[in-house]
Amino acid sequence: MFSHMEGTLIVAGLIAAGVIVAAFAAEGRGQRVIRILLGVEERRPVREHLFDELDRPEASLDVVDKLGRPQTRELHVSAR
């Protein structure tokens, strides 16, 4: 029964694999892997900067306050 659909399923599988590869290449890490494979970018060791300190903003609870306020704007309507 599925022998009639075999060709269609193979083509659909190849298209799906192509879409997955294209989506991976469009993502940031995928772009880096593609550049490394093509020789455009050199490979950097990850362990070198693994435990570096990061600059982070000071912790505050203002985010909760900002999210709790409704965001409204005034609309100016001309009376014609």
C-alpha atoms as a PDB file:
ATOM      1  CA  MET A   1       0.000   0.000   0.000  1.00  0.00           C
ATOM      2  CA  PHE A   2       2.808   2.425   0.866  1.00  0.00           C
ATOM      3  CA  SER A   3       4.845   1.399  -2.167  1.00  0.00           C
ATOM      4  CA  HIS A   4       2.875   3.918  -4.242  1.00  0.00           C
ATOM      5  CA  MET A   5       3.782   6.711  -1.834  1.00  0.00           C
ATOM      6  CA  GLU A   6       7.452   5.764  -1.518  1.00  0.00           C
ATOM      7  CA  GLY A   7       8.725   8.360  -3.990  1.00  0.00           C
ATOM      8  CA  THR A   8       6.596  11.117  -2.488  1.00  0.00           C
ATOM      9  CA  LEU A   9       7.767  10.309   1.038  1.00  0.00           C
ATOM     10  CA  ILE A  10      11.418  10.339  -0.051  1.00  0.00           C
ATOM     11  CA  VAL A  11      11.004  13.749  -1.701  1.00  0.00           C
ATOM     12  CA  ALA A  12       9.135  15.082   1.353  1.00  0.00           C
ATOM     13  CA  GLY A  13      11.897  13.770   3.645  1.00  0.00           C
ATOM     14  CA  LEU A  14      14.595  15.442   1.550  1.00  0.00           C
ATOM     15  CA  ILE A  15      12.691  18.741   1.565  1.00  0.00           C
ATOM     16  CA  ALA A  16      12.225  18.496   5.346  1.00  0.00           C
ATOM     17  CA  ALA A  17      15.940  17.782   5.835  1.00  0.00           C
ATOM     18  CA  GLY A  18      16.777  20.796   3.652  1.00  0.00           C
ATOM     19  CA  VAL A  19      14.494  23.040   5.698  1.00  0.00           C
ATOM     20  CA  ILE A  20      16.073  21.839   8.947  1.00  0.00           C
ATOM     21  CA  VAL A  21      19.586  22.500   7.608  1.00  0.00           C
ATOM     22  CA  ALA A  22      18.540  25.967   6.373  1.00  0.00           C
ATOM     23  CA  ALA A  23      16.981  26.805   9.760  1.00  0.00           C
ATOM     24  CA  PHE A  24      20.134  25.638  11.553  1.00  0.00           C
ATOM     25  CA  ALA A  25      22.312  27.743   9.230  1.00  0.00           C
ATOM     26  CA  ALA A  26      20.122  30.802   9.847  1.00  0.00           C
ATOM     27  CA  GLU A  27      20.530  30.549  13.624  1.00  0.00           C
ATOM     28  CA  GLY A  28      23.533  32.154  15.325  1.00  0.00           C
ATOM     29  CA  ARG A  29      25.337  28.959  16.320  1.00  0.00           C
ATOM     30  CA  GLY A  30      24.582  27.395  12.973  1.00  0.00           C
ATOM     31  CA  GLN A  31      26.109  30.355  11.155  1.00  0.00           C
ATOM     32  CA  ARG A  32      29.249  29.950  13.249  1.00  0.00           C
ATOM     33  CA  VAL A  33      29.483  26.221  12.481  1.00  0.00           C
ATOM     34  CA  ILE A  34      29.014  26.880   8.753  1.00  0.00           C
ATOM     35  CA  ARG A  35      31.708  29.588   8.824  1.00  0.00           C
ATOM     36  CA  ILE A  36      34.118  27.237  10.602  1.00  0.00           C
ATOM     37  CA  LEU A  37      33.407  24.453   8.100  1.00  0.00           C
ATOM     38  CA  LEU A  38      33.951  26.821   5.157  1.00  0.00           C
ATOM     39  CA  GLY A  39      37.156  28.168   6.714  1.00  0.00           C
ATOM     40  CA  VAL A  40      35.941  31.767   6.917  1.00  0.00           C
ATOM     41  CA  GLU A  41      36.205  31.908  10.708  1.00  0.00           C
ATOM     42  CA  GLU A  42      38.810  30.242  12.862  1.00  0.00           C
ATOM     43  CA  ARG A  43      37.912  27.980  15.724  1.00  0.00           C
ATOM     44  CA  ARG A  44      38.435  29.504  19.169  1.00  0.00           C
ATOM     45  CA  PRO A  45      38.890  27.429  22.296  1.00  0.00           C
ATOM     46  CA  VAL A  46      35.839  27.696  24.537  1.00  0.00           C
ATOM     47  CA  ARG A  47      37.609  26.888  27.782  1.00  0.00           C
ATOM     48  CA  GLU A  48      39.708  30.018  27.504  1.00  0.00           C
ATOM     49  CA  HIS A  49      36.807  32.307  28.454  1.00  0.00           C
ATOM     50  CA  LEU A  50      34.565  29.812  30.202  1.00  0.00           C
ATOM     51  CA  PHE A  51      34.876  31.303  33.700  1.00  0.00           C
ATOM     52  CA  ASP A  52      35.294  34.990  32.819  1.00  0.00           C
ATOM     53  CA  GLU A  53      33.332  37.534  34.840  1.00  0.00           C
ATOM     54  CA  LEU A  54      30.411  39.156  33.060  1.00  0.00           C
ATOM     55  CA  ASP A  55      29.241  42.742  33.495  1.00  0.00           C
ATOM     56  CA  ARG A  56      25.662  42.607  34.707  1.00  0.00           C
ATOM     57  CA  PRO A  57      23.265  45.393  35.631  1.00  0.00           C
ATOM     58  CA  GLU A  58      22.446  45.928  39.268  1.00  0.00           C
ATOM     59  CA  ALA A  59      19.549  43.866  40.550  1.00  0.00           C
ATOM     60  CA  SER A  60      16.356  45.786  41.187  1.00  0.00           C
ATOM     61  CA  LEU A  61      12.673  45.078  41.547  1.00  0.00           C
ATOM     62  CA  ASP A  62      11.656  47.931  39.241  1.00  0.00           C
ATOM     63  CA  VAL A  63      10.838  45.425  36.512  1.00  0.00           C
ATOM     64  CA  VAL A  64       7.857  44.150  38.463  1.00  0.00           C
ATOM     65  CA  ASP A  65       6.660  47.713  39.003  1.00  0.00           C
ATOM     66  CA  LYS A  66       6.990  48.523  35.283  1.00  0.00           C
ATOM     67  CA  LEU A  67       5.149  45.367  34.243  1.00  0.00           C
ATOM     68  CA  GLY A  68       2.322  46.074  36.658  1.00  0.00           C
ATOM     69  CA  ARG A  69       1.549  49.513  35.220  1.00  0.00           C
ATOM     70  CA  PRO A  70      -0.757  49.667  32.226  1.00  0.00           C
ATOM     71  CA  GLN A  71       0.805  51.285  29.191  1.00  0.00           C
ATOM     72  CA  THR A  72      -1.617  53.887  27.883  1.00  0.00           C
ATOM     73  CA  ARG A  73      -1.255  56.724  25.415  1.00  0.00           C
ATOM     74  CA  GLU A  74      -3.461  59.648  24.601  1.00  0.00           C
ATOM     75  CA  LEU A  75      -4.950  59.777  21.156  1.00  0.00           C
ATOM     76  CA  HIS A  76      -5.589  63.173  19.627  1.00  0.00           C
ATOM     77  CA  VAL A  77      -8.744  63.090  17.521  1.00  0.00           C
ATOM     78  CA  SER A  78      -9.672  66.071  15.417  1.00  0.00           C
ATOM     79  CA  ALA A  79     -13.364  67.039  15.537  1.00  0.00           C
ATOM     80  CA  ARG A  80     -14.431  67.283  11.907  1.00  0.00           C
END
